[in-house]
PDB file of N, CA and C in Angstrom:
ATOM      1  N   LEU A   1     -18.508   9.356 -27.142  1.00  0.00           N
ATOM      2  CA  LEU A   1     -19.193   8.031 -27.160  1.00  0.00           C
ATOM      3  C   LEU A   1     -20.389   7.953 -26.323  1.00  0.00           C
ATOM      4  N   LEU A   2     -20.323   8.550 -25.158  1.00  0.00           N
ATOM      5  CA  LEU A   2     -21.280   8.554 -23.917  1.00  0.00           C
ATOM      6  C   LEU A   2     -22.397   9.365 -24.362  1.00  0.00           C
ATOM      7  N   GLN A   3     -22.231  10.336 -25.297  1.00  0.00           N
ATOM      8  CA  GLN A   3     -23.276  11.081 -25.763  1.00  0.00           C
ATOM      9  C   GLN A   3     -24.075  10.477 -26.846  1.00  0.00           C
ATOM     10  N   TYR A   4     -23.701   9.182 -27.371  1.00  0.00           N
ATOM     11  CA  TYR A   4     -24.295   8.332 -28.289  1.00  0.00           C
ATOM     12  C   TYR A   4     -24.862   7.103 -27.646  1.00  0.00           C
ATOM     13  N   GLY A   5     -24.597   6.946 -26.348  1.00  0.00           N
ATOM     14  CA  GLY A   5     -25.300   5.910 -25.762  1.00  0.00           C
ATOM     15  C   GLY A   5     -24.372   4.746 -25.518  1.00  0.00           C
ATOM     16  N   ALA A   6     -23.035   4.859 -25.437  1.00  0.00           N
ATOM     17  CA  ALA A   6     -22.097   3.856 -25.232  1.00  0.00           C
ATOM     18  C   ALA A   6     -22.446   3.135 -23.816  1.00  0.00           C
ATOM     19  N   ASP A   7     -22.119   1.825 -23.749  1.00  0.00           N
ATOM     20  CA  ASP A   7     -22.447   1.083 -22.553  1.00  0.00           C
ATOM     21  C   ASP A   7     -21.289   1.281 -21.579  1.00  0.00           C
ATOM     22  N   VAL A   8     -21.530   2.290 -20.461  1.00  0.00           N
ATOM     23  CA  VAL A   8     -20.591   2.514 -19.509  1.00  0.00           C
ATOM     24  C   VAL A   8     -20.048   1.331 -18.728  1.00  0.00           C
ATOM     25  N   GLU A   9     -20.920   0.220 -18.870  1.00  0.00           N
ATOM     26  CA  GLU A   9     -20.619  -0.981 -18.048  1.00  0.00           C
ATOM     27  C   GLU A   9     -19.743  -2.083 -18.665  1.00  0.00           C
ATOM     28  N   ALA A  10     -19.651  -1.775 -20.237  1.00  0.00           N
ATOM     29  CA  ALA A  10     -19.060  -2.896 -20.956  1.00  0.00           C
ATOM     30  C   ALA A  10     -17.643  -3.300 -20.499  1.00  0.00           C
ATOM     31  N   CYS A  11     -17.238  -4.583 -20.298  1.00  0.00           N
ATOM     32  CA  CYS A  11     -16.107  -4.955 -19.903  1.00  0.00           C
ATOM     33  C   CYS A  11     -15.239  -5.708 -20.678  1.00  0.00           C
ATOM     34  N   ASP A  12     -13.887  -5.831 -20.612  1.00  0.00           N
ATOM     35  CA  ASP A  12     -13.093  -6.516 -21.295  1.00  0.00           C
ATOM     36  C   ASP A  12     -12.863  -7.879 -20.726  1.00  0.00           C
ATOM     37  N   GLY A  13     -12.088  -8.731 -21.203  1.00  0.00           N
ATOM     38  CA  GLY A  13     -11.950 -10.206 -20.515  1.00  0.00           C
ATOM     39  C   GLY A  13     -11.562 -10.255 -19.275  1.00  0.00           C
ATOM     40  N   GLU A  14     -10.981  -9.218 -18.474  1.00  0.00           N
ATOM     41  CA  GLU A  14     -10.469  -9.165 -17.284  1.00  0.00           C
ATOM     42  C   GLU A  14     -11.785  -8.443 -16.276  1.00  0.00           C
ATOM     43  N   ASP A  15     -12.839  -8.357 -16.877  1.00  0.00           N
ATOM     44  CA  ASP A  15     -13.824  -7.631 -16.090  1.00  0.00           C
ATOM     45  C   ASP A  15     -13.398  -6.251 -15.957  1.00  0.00           C
ATOM     46  N   TRP A  16     -12.537  -5.581 -16.636  1.00  0.00           N
ATOM     47  CA  TRP A  16     -12.548  -4.196 -16.500  1.00  0.00           C
ATOM     48  C   TRP A  16     -13.532  -3.336 -17.352  1.00  0.00           C
ATOM     49  N   ASN A  17     -14.056  -2.360 -16.557  1.00  0.00           N
ATOM     50  CA  ASN A  17     -14.915  -1.628 -17.272  1.00  0.00           C
ATOM     51  C   ASN A  17     -14.424  -0.108 -17.598  1.00  0.00           C
ATOM     52  N   ALA A  18     -14.837   0.701 -18.135  1.00  0.00           N
ATOM     53  CA  ALA A  18     -14.132   2.043 -18.499  1.00  0.00           C
ATOM     54  C   ALA A  18     -13.665   2.760 -17.254  1.00  0.00           C
ATOM     55  N   LEU A  19     -14.609   2.732 -16.157  1.00  0.00           N
ATOM     56  CA  LEU A  19     -14.287   3.520 -14.964  1.00  0.00           C
ATOM     57  C   LEU A  19     -13.031   3.019 -14.427  1.00  0.00           C
ATOM     58  N   ARG A  20     -12.742   1.708 -14.343  1.00  0.00           N
ATOM     59  CA  ARG A  20     -11.595   1.102 -13.784  1.00  0.00           C
ATOM     60  C   ARG A  20     -10.528   1.363 -14.792  1.00  0.00           C
ATOM     61  N   ALA A  21     -10.612   1.367 -16.043  1.00  0.00           N
ATOM     62  CA  ALA A  21      -9.421   1.879 -16.909  1.00  0.00           C
ATOM     63  C   ALA A  21      -9.166   3.229 -16.847  1.00  0.00           C
ATOM     64  N   ALA A  22     -10.097   4.149 -16.845  1.00  0.00           N
ATOM     65  CA  ALA A  22      -9.554   5.489 -16.474  1.00  0.00           C
ATOM     66  C   ALA A  22      -9.158   5.836 -15.296  1.00  0.00           C
ATOM     67  N   THR A  23      -9.548   5.149 -14.319  1.00  0.00           N
ATOM     68  CA  THR A  23      -9.190   5.274 -13.025  1.00  0.00           C
ATOM     69  C   THR A  23      -7.475   4.727 -12.930  1.00  0.00           C
ATOM     70  N   SER A  24      -7.352   3.632 -13.479  1.00  0.00           N
ATOM     71  CA  SER A  24      -5.857   3.276 -13.598  1.00  0.00           C
ATOM     72  C   SER A  24      -4.912   3.939 -14.286  1.00  0.00           C
ATOM     73  N   HIS A  25      -5.406   5.002 -15.315  1.00  0.00           N
ATOM     74  CA  HIS A  25      -4.416   5.855 -16.123  1.00  0.00           C
ATOM     75  C   HIS A  25      -4.574   7.199 -15.495  1.00  0.00           C
ATOM     76  N   GLY A  26      -5.318   7.462 -14.322  1.00  0.00           N
ATOM     77  CA  GLY A  26      -5.275   8.754 -13.871  1.00  0.00           C
ATOM     78  C   GLY A  26      -6.090   9.906 -14.402  1.00  0.00           C
ATOM     79  N   TRP A  27      -6.948   9.393 -15.228  1.00  0.00           N
ATOM     80  CA  TRP A  27      -7.886  10.366 -16.223  1.00  0.00           C
ATOM     81  C   TRP A  27      -9.123  10.878 -15.208  1.00  0.00           C
ATOM     82  N   LYS A  28      -8.883  11.802 -14.523  1.00  0.00           N
ATOM     83  CA  LYS A  28      -9.862  12.357 -13.592  1.00  0.00           C
ATOM     84  C   LYS A  28     -11.007  13.014 -14.404  1.00  0.00           C
ATOM     85  N   SER A  29     -10.931  13.647 -15.584  1.00  0.00           N
ATOM     86  CA  SER A  29     -12.064  14.207 -15.981  1.00  0.00           C
ATOM     87  C   SER A  29     -12.966  12.947 -16.755  1.00  0.00           C
ATOM     88  N   ILE A  30     -12.241  11.909 -17.296  1.00  0.00           N
ATOM     89  CA  ILE A  30     -13.079  10.868 -17.750  1.00  0.00           C
ATOM     90  C   ILE A  30     -13.691  10.095 -16.674  1.00  0.00           C
ATOM     91  N   VAL A  31     -13.117  10.060 -15.373  1.00  0.00           N
ATOM     92  CA  VAL A  31     -13.716   9.315 -14.249  1.00  0.00           C
ATOM     93  C   VAL A  31     -15.007  10.234 -14.142  1.00  0.00           C
ATOM     94  N   LYS A  32     -15.026  11.450 -13.945  1.00  0.00           N
ATOM     95  CA  LYS A  32     -15.988  12.324 -13.711  1.00  0.00           C
ATOM     96  C   LYS A  32     -17.140  12.269 -14.640  1.00  0.00           C
ATOM     97  N   ALA A  33     -16.608  12.013 -15.913  1.00  0.00           N
ATOM     98  CA  ALA A  33     -17.820  11.970 -17.145  1.00  0.00           C
ATOM     99  C   ALA A  33     -18.393  10.665 -17.035  1.00  0.00           C
ATOM    100  N   LEU A  34     -17.663   9.372 -16.684  1.00  0.00           N
ATOM    101  CA  LEU A  34     -18.347   8.090 -16.523  1.00  0.00           C
ATOM    102  C   LEU A  34     -19.363   8.087 -15.461  1.00  0.00           C
ATOM    103  N   LEU A  35     -19.045   8.692 -14.145  1.00  0.00           N
ATOM    104  CA  LEU A  35     -19.752   8.798 -13.054  1.00  0.00           C
ATOM    105  C   LEU A  35     -21.177   9.534 -13.464  1.00  0.00           C
ATOM    106  N   GLU A  36     -20.888  10.709 -14.187  1.00  0.00           N
ATOM    107  CA  GLU A  36     -21.926  11.415 -14.509  1.00  0.00           C
ATOM    108  C   GLU A  36     -23.078  10.559 -15.283  1.00  0.00           C
ATOM    109  N   HIS A  37     -22.508   9.744 -16.181  1.00  0.00           N
ATOM    110  CA  HIS A  37     -23.324   8.956 -16.955  1.00  0.00           C
ATOM    111  C   HIS A  37     -23.748   7.565 -16.277  1.00  0.00           C
ATOM    112  N   LYS A  38     -23.567   7.545 -14.911  1.00  0.00           N
ATOM    113  CA  LYS A  38     -24.084   6.472 -14.049  1.00  0.00           C
ATOM    114  C   LYS A  38     -23.310   5.223 -14.196  1.00  0.00           C
ATOM    115  N   ALA A  39     -21.936   5.317 -14.341  1.00  0.00           N
ATOM    116  CA  ALA A  39     -20.934   4.123 -14.194  1.00  0.00           C
ATOM    117  C   ALA A  39     -21.058   3.662 -12.934  1.00  0.00           C
ATOM    118  N   ASP A  40     -21.084   2.316 -12.579  1.00  0.00           N
ATOM    119  CA  ASP A  40     -21.100   1.626 -11.376  1.00  0.00           C
ATOM    120  C   ASP A  40     -20.129   1.623 -10.512  1.00  0.00           C
ATOM    121  N   LEU A  41     -20.183   2.528  -9.628  1.00  0.00           N
ATOM    122  CA  LEU A  41     -18.978   2.769  -8.697  1.00  0.00           C
ATOM    123  C   LEU A  41     -18.457   1.457  -7.994  1.00  0.00           C
ATOM    124  N   HIS A  42     -19.299   0.574  -7.735  1.00  0.00           N
ATOM    125  CA  HIS A  42     -19.080  -0.666  -6.931  1.00  0.00           C
ATOM    126  C   HIS A  42     -18.855  -1.772  -7.746  1.00  0.00           C
ATOM    127  N   ALA A  43     -18.935  -1.498  -8.933  1.00  0.00           N
ATOM    128  CA  ALA A  43     -18.536  -2.882  -9.943  1.00  0.00           C
ATOM    129  C   ALA A  43     -17.076  -3.473  -9.545  1.00  0.00           C
ATOM    130  N   ARG A  44     -16.958  -4.506  -9.481  1.00  0.00           N
ATOM    131  CA  ARG A  44     -15.575  -5.299  -9.310  1.00  0.00           C
ATOM    132  C   ARG A  44     -15.218  -6.093 -10.489  1.00  0.00           C
ATOM    133  N   ASP A  45     -13.938  -6.230 -10.440  1.00  0.00           N
ATOM    134  CA  ASP A  45     -13.199  -7.018 -11.798  1.00  0.00           C
ATOM    135  C   ASP A  45     -12.985  -8.439 -11.003  1.00  0.00           C
ATOM    136  N   LYS A  46     -12.420  -9.248 -11.865  1.00  0.00           N
ATOM    137  CA  LYS A  46     -12.178 -10.595 -11.489  1.00  0.00           C
ATOM    138  C   LYS A  46     -11.566 -10.755 -10.210  1.00  0.00           C
ATOM    139  N   ASP A  47     -10.634  -9.695  -9.879  1.00  0.00           N
ATOM    140  CA  ASP A  47      -9.658  -9.933  -8.625  1.00  0.00           C
ATOM    141  C   ASP A  47     -10.420  -9.096  -7.421  1.00  0.00           C
ATOM    142  N   GLY A  48     -11.734  -8.874  -7.786  1.00  0.00           N
ATOM    143  CA  GLY A  48     -12.425  -8.156  -6.617  1.00  0.00           C
ATOM    144  C   GLY A  48     -12.272  -6.501  -6.416  1.00  0.00           C
ATOM    145  N   ASP A  49     -11.405  -5.943  -7.506  1.00  0.00           N
ATOM    146  CA  ASP A  49     -11.007  -4.715  -7.147  1.00  0.00           C
ATOM    147  C   ASP A  49     -12.042  -3.639  -7.838  1.00  0.00           C
ATOM    148  N   ASP A  50     -12.622  -2.759  -7.168  1.00  0.00           N
ATOM    149  CA  ASP A  50     -13.361  -1.654  -7.780  1.00  0.00           C
ATOM    150  C   ASP A  50     -12.602  -0.439  -7.977  1.00  0.00           C
ATOM    151  N   ALA A  51     -13.184   0.797  -8.247  1.00  0.00           N
ATOM    152  CA  ALA A  51     -12.445   1.574  -8.880  1.00  0.00           C
ATOM    153  C   ALA A  51     -11.611   2.259  -7.687  1.00  0.00           C
ATOM    154  N   LEU A  52     -12.045   2.401  -6.518  1.00  0.00           N
ATOM    155  CA  LEU A  52     -11.168   2.813  -5.389  1.00  0.00           C
ATOM    156  C   LEU A  52     -10.075   1.827  -5.164  1.00  0.00           C
ATOM    157  N   GLN A  53     -10.161   0.823  -5.142  1.00  0.00           N
ATOM    158  CA  GLN A  53      -8.894  -0.172  -5.149  1.00  0.00           C
ATOM    159  C   GLN A  53      -7.928   0.267  -6.168  1.00  0.00           C
ATOM    160  N   ILE A  54      -8.523   0.552  -7.486  1.00  0.00           N
ATOM    161  CA  ILE A  54      -7.354   0.743  -8.447  1.00  0.00           C
ATOM    162  C   ILE A  54      -6.824   2.083  -8.229  1.00  0.00           C
ATOM    163  N   ALA A  55      -7.678   3.012  -7.762  1.00  0.00           N
ATOM    164  CA  ALA A  55      -6.986   4.372  -7.441  1.00  0.00           C
ATOM    165  C   ALA A  55      -5.856   4.202  -6.330  1.00  0.00           C
ATOM    166  N   ALA A  56      -6.243   3.536  -5.237  1.00  0.00           N
ATOM    167  CA  ALA A  56      -5.187   3.127  -4.357  1.00  0.00           C
ATOM    168  C   ALA A  56      -4.013   2.506  -4.871  1.00  0.00           C
ATOM    169  N   LEU A  57      -4.219   1.527  -5.885  1.00  0.00           N
ATOM    170  CA  LEU A  57      -3.238   0.664  -6.413  1.00  0.00           C
ATOM    171  C   LEU A  57      -2.107   1.434  -7.160  1.00  0.00           C
ATOM    172  N   TYR A  58      -2.767   2.450  -7.846  1.00  0.00           N
ATOM    173  CA  TYR A  58      -1.886   3.283  -8.535  1.00  0.00           C
ATOM    174  C   TYR A  58      -1.568   4.585  -8.088  1.00  0.00           C
ATOM    175  N   GLY A  59      -2.018   4.975  -6.898  1.00  0.00           N
ATOM    176  CA  GLY A  59      -1.494   6.094  -6.027  1.00  0.00           C
ATOM    177  C   GLY A  59      -2.254   7.483  -6.661  1.00  0.00           C
ATOM    178  N   PHE A  60      -3.500   7.271  -7.204  1.00  0.00           N
ATOM    179  CA  PHE A  60      -4.247   8.648  -7.622  1.00  0.00           C
ATOM    180  C   PHE A  60      -5.119   9.147  -6.580  1.00  0.00           C
ATOM    181  N   ARG A  61      -4.539  10.031  -5.813  1.00  0.00           N
ATOM    182  CA  ARG A  61      -5.230  10.475  -4.642  1.00  0.00           C
ATOM    183  C   ARG A  61      -6.548  11.180  -5.277  1.00  0.00           C
ATOM    184  N   GLU A  62      -6.315  12.294  -6.047  1.00  0.00           N
ATOM    185  CA  GLU A  62      -7.451  12.996  -6.747  1.00  0.00           C
ATOM    186  C   GLU A  62      -8.587  12.175  -7.323  1.00  0.00           C
ATOM    187  N   ILE A  63      -8.417  11.258  -7.841  1.00  0.00           N
ATOM    188  CA  ILE A  63      -9.442  10.337  -8.278  1.00  0.00           C
ATOM    189  C   ILE A  63      -9.989   9.575  -7.185  1.00  0.00           C
ATOM    190  N   ALA A  64      -9.365   9.259  -6.116  1.00  0.00           N
ATOM    191  CA  ALA A  64      -9.858   8.591  -4.941  1.00  0.00           C
ATOM    192  C   ALA A  64     -10.780   9.454  -4.285  1.00  0.00           C
ATOM    193  N   GLU A  65     -10.461  11.019  -4.160  1.00  0.00           N
ATOM    194  CA  GLU A  65     -11.344  11.844  -3.599  1.00  0.00           C
ATOM    195  C   GLU A  65     -12.726  11.987  -4.350  1.00  0.00           C
ATOM    196  N   VAL A  66     -12.521  11.819  -5.627  1.00  0.00           N
ATOM    197  CA  VAL A  66     -13.711  11.964  -6.449  1.00  0.00           C
ATOM    198  C   VAL A  66     -14.793  10.719  -6.432  1.00  0.00           C
ATOM    199  N   LEU A  67     -13.926   9.643  -6.289  1.00  0.00           N
ATOM    200  CA  LEU A  67     -14.819   8.147  -6.010  1.00  0.00           C
ATOM    201  C   LEU A  67     -15.403   8.345  -4.511  1.00  0.00           C
ATOM    202  N   LEU A  68     -14.824   8.864  -3.645  1.00  0.00           N
ATOM    203  CA  LEU A  68     -15.114   8.780  -2.242  1.00  0.00           C
ATOM    204  C   LEU A  68     -16.299   9.852  -2.280  1.00  0.00           C
ATOM    205  N   GLU A  69     -16.179  11.058  -2.699  1.00  0.00           N
ATOM    206  CA  GLU A  69     -17.347  11.900  -2.811  1.00  0.00           C
ATOM    207  C   GLU A  69     -18.454  11.395  -3.507  1.00  0.00           C
ATOM    208  N   GLU A  70     -18.442  10.377  -4.236  1.00  0.00           N
ATOM    209  CA  GLU A  70     -19.583   9.926  -4.946  1.00  0.00           C
ATOM    210  C   GLU A  70     -20.108   8.514  -4.211  1.00  0.00           C
ATOM    211  N   GLY A  71     -19.490   8.189  -3.118  1.00  0.00           N
ATOM    212  CA  GLY A  71     -20.023   7.157  -2.370  1.00  0.00           C
ATOM    213  C   GLY A  71     -19.216   5.767  -2.577  1.00  0.00           C
ATOM    214  N   ALA A  72     -18.067   5.920  -2.839  1.00  0.00           N
ATOM    215  CA  ALA A  72     -17.226   4.707  -2.953  1.00  0.00           C
ATOM    216  C   ALA A  72     -17.038   3.913  -1.570  1.00  0.00           C
ATOM    217  N   ASP A  73     -16.989   2.475  -1.800  1.00  0.00           N
ATOM    218  CA  ASP A  73     -17.017   1.851  -0.315  1.00  0.00           C
ATOM    219  C   ASP A  73     -15.456   1.755   0.105  1.00  0.00           C
ATOM    220  N   ILE A  74     -15.351   2.495   1.229  1.00  0.00           N
ATOM    221  CA  ILE A  74     -14.152   2.782   1.726  1.00  0.00           C
ATOM    222  C   ILE A  74     -13.529   1.425   2.472  1.00  0.00           C
ATOM    223  N   THR A  75     -14.497   0.664   2.868  1.00  0.00           N
ATOM    224  CA  THR A  75     -14.214  -0.547   3.597  1.00  0.00           C
ATOM    225  C   THR A  75     -14.015  -1.955   2.965  1.00  0.00           C
ATOM    226  N   GLY A  76     -14.653  -1.689   1.612  1.00  0.00           N
ATOM    227  CA  GLY A  76     -14.633  -2.908   0.892  1.00  0.00           C
ATOM    228  C   GLY A  76     -13.243  -3.634   0.633  1.00  0.00           C
ATOM    229  N   THR A  77     -13.162  -4.934   0.484  1.00  0.00           N
ATOM    230  CA  THR A  77     -12.222  -5.661   0.295  1.00  0.00           C
ATOM    231  C   THR A  77     -12.187  -6.401  -1.042  1.00  0.00           C
ATOM    232  N   ASN A  78     -11.001  -6.526  -1.700  1.00  0.00           N
ATOM    233  CA  ASN A  78     -10.838  -7.453  -2.787  1.00  0.00           C
ATOM    234  C   ASN A  78     -10.890  -8.981  -2.571  1.00  0.00           C
ATOM    235  N   ASN A  79     -10.477  -9.692  -3.592  1.00  0.00           N
ATOM    236  CA  ASN A  79     -10.524 -11.055  -3.359  1.00  0.00           C
ATOM    237  C   ASN A  79      -9.317 -11.497  -2.392  1.00  0.00           C
ATOM    238  N   ASN A  80      -8.405 -10.760  -2.281  1.00  0.00           N
ATOM    239  CA  ASN A  80      -7.241 -10.941  -1.224  1.00  0.00           C
ATOM    240  C   ASN A  80      -7.543 -10.597   0.156  1.00  0.00           C
ATOM    241  N   GLY A  81      -8.764  -9.732   0.381  1.00  0.00           N
ATOM    242  CA  GLY A  81      -8.941  -9.340   1.707  1.00  0.00           C
ATOM    243  C   GLY A  81      -8.375  -7.975   1.964  1.00  0.00           C
ATOM    244  N   ASN A  82      -7.853  -7.421   1.015  1.00  0.00           N
ATOM    245  CA  ASN A  82      -7.381  -6.026   1.237  1.00  0.00           C
ATOM    246  C   ASN A  82      -8.313  -4.913   1.012  1.00  0.00           C
ATOM    247  N   THR A  83      -8.314  -3.895   1.935  1.00  0.00           N
ATOM    248  CA  THR A  83      -8.952  -2.644   1.783  1.00  0.00           C
ATOM    249  C   THR A  83      -8.385  -1.919   0.954  1.00  0.00           C
ATOM    250  N   PRO A  84      -9.048  -0.707   0.488  1.00  0.00           N
ATOM    251  CA  PRO A  84      -8.041   0.234  -0.277  1.00  0.00           C
ATOM    252  C   PRO A  84      -7.080   0.794   0.724  1.00  0.00           C
ATOM    253  N   LEU A  85      -7.210   0.911   1.883  1.00  0.00           N
ATOM    254  CA  LEU A  85      -6.180   1.408   2.813  1.00  0.00           C
ATOM    255  C   LEU A  85      -4.857   0.284   2.634  1.00  0.00           C
ATOM    256  N   HIS A  86      -5.191  -1.094   2.939  1.00  0.00           N
ATOM    257  CA  HIS A  86      -4.090  -1.916   2.715  1.00  0.00           C
ATOM    258  C   HIS A  86      -3.204  -1.622   1.455  1.00  0.00           C
ATOM    259  N   THR A  87      -4.070  -1.395   0.361  1.00  0.00           N
ATOM    260  CA  THR A  87      -3.528  -1.621  -0.903  1.00  0.00           C
ATOM    261  C   THR A  87      -2.621  -0.258  -1.137  1.00  0.00           C
ATOM    262  N   ALA A  88      -3.150   0.973  -0.696  1.00  0.00           N
ATOM    263  CA  ALA A  88      -2.260   2.127  -0.647  1.00  0.00           C
ATOM    264  C   ALA A  88      -1.116   1.885   0.158  1.00  0.00           C
ATOM    265  N   ALA A  89      -1.206   1.545   1.350  1.00  0.00           N
ATOM    266  CA  ALA A  89      -0.117   1.364   2.239  1.00  0.00           C
ATOM    267  C   ALA A  89       0.851   0.543   1.599  1.00  0.00           C
ATOM    268  N   LEU A  90       0.361  -0.706   1.077  1.00  0.00           N
ATOM    269  CA  LEU A  90       1.351  -1.891   0.690  1.00  0.00           C
ATOM    270  C   LEU A  90       2.173  -1.322  -0.416  1.00  0.00           C
ATOM    271  N   HIS A  91       1.819  -0.337  -1.220  1.00  0.00           N
ATOM    272  CA  HIS A  91       2.297   0.200  -2.532  1.00  0.00           C
ATOM    273  C   HIS A  91       3.136   1.624  -2.282  1.00  0.00           C
ATOM    274  N   GLY A  92       3.155   1.988  -0.887  1.00  0.00           N
ATOM    275  CA  GLY A  92       3.710   3.140  -0.416  1.00  0.00           C
ATOM    276  C   GLY A  92       3.216   4.484  -0.984  1.00  0.00           C
ATOM    277  N   TYR A  93       1.717   4.603  -1.104  1.00  0.00           N
ATOM    278  CA  TYR A  93       1.134   5.744  -1.699  1.00  0.00           C
ATOM    279  C   TYR A  93       0.636   6.494  -0.382  1.00  0.00           C
ATOM    280  N   ASP A  94       1.461   7.307   0.270  1.00  0.00           N
ATOM    281  CA  ASP A  94       1.243   7.803   1.545  1.00  0.00           C
ATOM    282  C   ASP A  94       0.000   8.774   1.530  1.00  0.00           C
ATOM    283  N   SER A  95      -0.010   9.531   0.545  1.00  0.00           N
ATOM    284  CA  SER A  95      -1.081  10.655   0.217  1.00  0.00           C
ATOM    285  C   SER A  95      -2.447  10.100   0.077  1.00  0.00           C
ATOM    286  N   VAL A  96      -2.623   8.726  -0.622  1.00  0.00           N
ATOM    287  CA  VAL A  96      -3.754   8.086  -0.816  1.00  0.00           C
ATOM    288  C   VAL A  96      -4.227   7.404   0.494  1.00  0.00           C
ATOM    289  N   ALA A  97      -3.254   7.007   1.459  1.00  0.00           N
ATOM    290  CA  ALA A  97      -3.570   6.326   2.483  1.00  0.00           C
ATOM    291  C   ALA A  97      -4.135   7.185   3.607  1.00  0.00           C
ATOM    292  N   GLU A  98      -3.369   8.662   3.455  1.00  0.00           N
ATOM    293  CA  GLU A  98      -3.768   9.799   4.434  1.00  0.00           C
ATOM    294  C   GLU A  98      -5.277   9.949   4.185  1.00  0.00           C
ATOM    295  N   LEU A  99      -5.633  10.278   2.940  1.00  0.00           N
ATOM    296  CA  LEU A  99      -6.796  10.501   2.461  1.00  0.00           C
ATOM    297  C   LEU A  99      -7.954   9.576   3.046  1.00  0.00           C
ATOM    298  N   LEU A 100      -7.527   8.212   2.711  1.00  0.00           N
ATOM    299  CA  LEU A 100      -8.630   7.162   3.178  1.00  0.00           C
ATOM    300  C   LEU A 100      -8.616   7.260   4.815  1.00  0.00           C
ATOM    301  N   ILE A 101      -7.667   7.604   5.430  1.00  0.00           N
ATOM    302  CA  ILE A 101      -7.675   7.513   6.870  1.00  0.00           C
ATOM    303  C   ILE A 101      -8.631   8.787   7.431  1.00  0.00           C
ATOM    304  N   GLN A 102      -8.372   9.959   6.844  1.00  0.00           N
ATOM    305  CA  GLN A 102      -9.134  11.074   6.923  1.00  0.00           C
ATOM    306  C   GLN A 102     -10.555  11.002   6.680  1.00  0.00           C
ATOM    307  N   LYS A 103     -10.837   9.996   5.954  1.00  0.00           N
ATOM    308  CA  LYS A 103     -12.397   9.742   5.338  1.00  0.00           C
ATOM    309  C   LYS A 103     -13.011   8.333   6.159  1.00  0.00           C
ATOM    310  N   GLY A 104     -12.161   7.981   6.891  1.00  0.00           N
ATOM    311  CA  GLY A 104     -12.797   6.948   7.870  1.00  0.00           C
ATOM    312  C   GLY A 104     -12.524   5.610   7.859  1.00  0.00           C
ATOM    313  N   ALA A 105     -11.237   5.311   6.983  1.00  0.00           N
ATOM    314  CA  ALA A 105     -10.809   3.943   6.840  1.00  0.00           C
ATOM    315  C   ALA A 105     -10.398   3.392   8.125  1.00  0.00           C
ATOM    316  N   LYS A 106     -10.761   2.066   8.251  1.00  0.00           N
ATOM    317  CA  LYS A 106     -10.401   1.412   9.481  1.00  0.00           C
ATOM    318  C   LYS A 106      -8.834   1.148   9.583  1.00  0.00           C
ATOM    319  N   LEU A 107      -8.022   1.455  10.715  1.00  0.00           N
ATOM    320  CA  LEU A 107      -6.797   1.205  10.850  1.00  0.00           C
ATOM    321  C   LEU A 107      -6.530  -0.240  11.275  1.00  0.00           C
ATOM    322  N   ASP A 108      -7.577  -0.878  11.890  1.00  0.00           N
ATOM    323  CA  ASP A 108      -7.448  -2.128  12.602  1.00  0.00           C
ATOM    324  C   ASP A 108      -8.016  -3.174  11.512  1.00  0.00           C
ATOM    325  N   ALA A 109      -8.276  -2.961  10.265  1.00  0.00           N
ATOM    326  CA  ALA A 109      -8.882  -3.923   9.425  1.00  0.00           C
ATOM    327  C   ALA A 109      -7.840  -4.968   9.134  1.00  0.00           C
ATOM    328  N   VAL A 110      -8.184  -6.146   9.310  1.00  0.00           N
ATOM    329  CA  VAL A 110      -7.161  -7.196   9.225  1.00  0.00           C
ATOM    330  C   VAL A 110      -7.222  -7.986   7.985  1.00  0.00           C
ATOM    331  N   GLN A 111      -6.162  -8.011   7.334  1.00  0.00           N
ATOM    332  CA  GLN A 111      -5.894  -8.901   6.035  1.00  0.00           C
ATOM    333  C   GLN A 111      -5.875 -10.353   6.569  1.00  0.00           C
ATOM    334  N   PRO A 112      -6.856 -11.119   5.983  1.00  0.00           N
ATOM    335  CA  PRO A 112      -7.106 -12.418   6.302  1.00  0.00           C
ATOM    336  C   PRO A 112      -5.935 -13.365   6.061  1.00  0.00           C
ATOM    337  N   GLU A 113      -5.384 -13.239   5.058  1.00  0.00           N
ATOM    338  CA  GLU A 113      -4.334 -14.068   4.754  1.00  0.00           C
ATOM    339  C   GLU A 113      -3.021 -14.072   5.641  1.00  0.00           C
ATOM    340  N   THR A 114      -2.624 -12.697   6.014  1.00  0.00           N
ATOM    341  CA  THR A 114      -1.376 -12.508   6.494  1.00  0.00           C
ATOM    342  C   THR A 114      -1.531 -11.943   8.122  1.00  0.00           C
ATOM    343  N   GLY A 115      -2.806 -11.604   8.322  1.00  0.00           N
ATOM    344  CA  GLY A 115      -3.055 -10.997   9.572  1.00  0.00           C
ATOM    345  C   GLY A 115      -2.775  -9.682   9.830  1.00  0.00           C
ATOM    346  N   SER A 116      -2.123  -8.895   8.774  1.00  0.00           N
ATOM    347  CA  SER A 116      -1.518  -7.545   8.822  1.00  0.00           C
ATOM    348  C   SER A 116      -2.828  -6.607   8.896  1.00  0.00           C
ATOM    349  N   THR A 117      -2.426  -5.336   9.382  1.00  0.00           N
ATOM    350  CA  THR A 117      -3.207  -4.128   9.254  1.00  0.00           C
ATOM    351  C   THR A 117      -2.711  -3.222   8.439  1.00  0.00           C
ATOM    352  N   PRO A 118      -3.129  -2.247   8.033  1.00  0.00           N
ATOM    353  CA  PRO A 118      -2.657  -1.274   7.017  1.00  0.00           C
ATOM    354  C   PRO A 118      -1.547  -0.701   7.639  1.00  0.00           C
TER     355      PRO A 118
END
């Protein structure tokens, strides 16, 4: 579909585009293809989640690596004030949390509702 000009930014009713959907399923090759076709790495859904937040939510370290290599915002927060590191830690994805820390995620980022740090 990409070869025939499909809109990589088309969204469903939840504001999920193809990049966030592919990320949520762990489809690394599709994530890469979408990024090659200029999918917006920083686009957010109605919850304020971008693709890196989704990778952290589902524990997909390899996809998080790809997104970070392409310039994903490691310090961005969703509508709840969670950074990707908060999300990975909250859901017990140690390998994703370790990657985010290695890449410079802030350990002292405070979640505004709870006052917690990752």
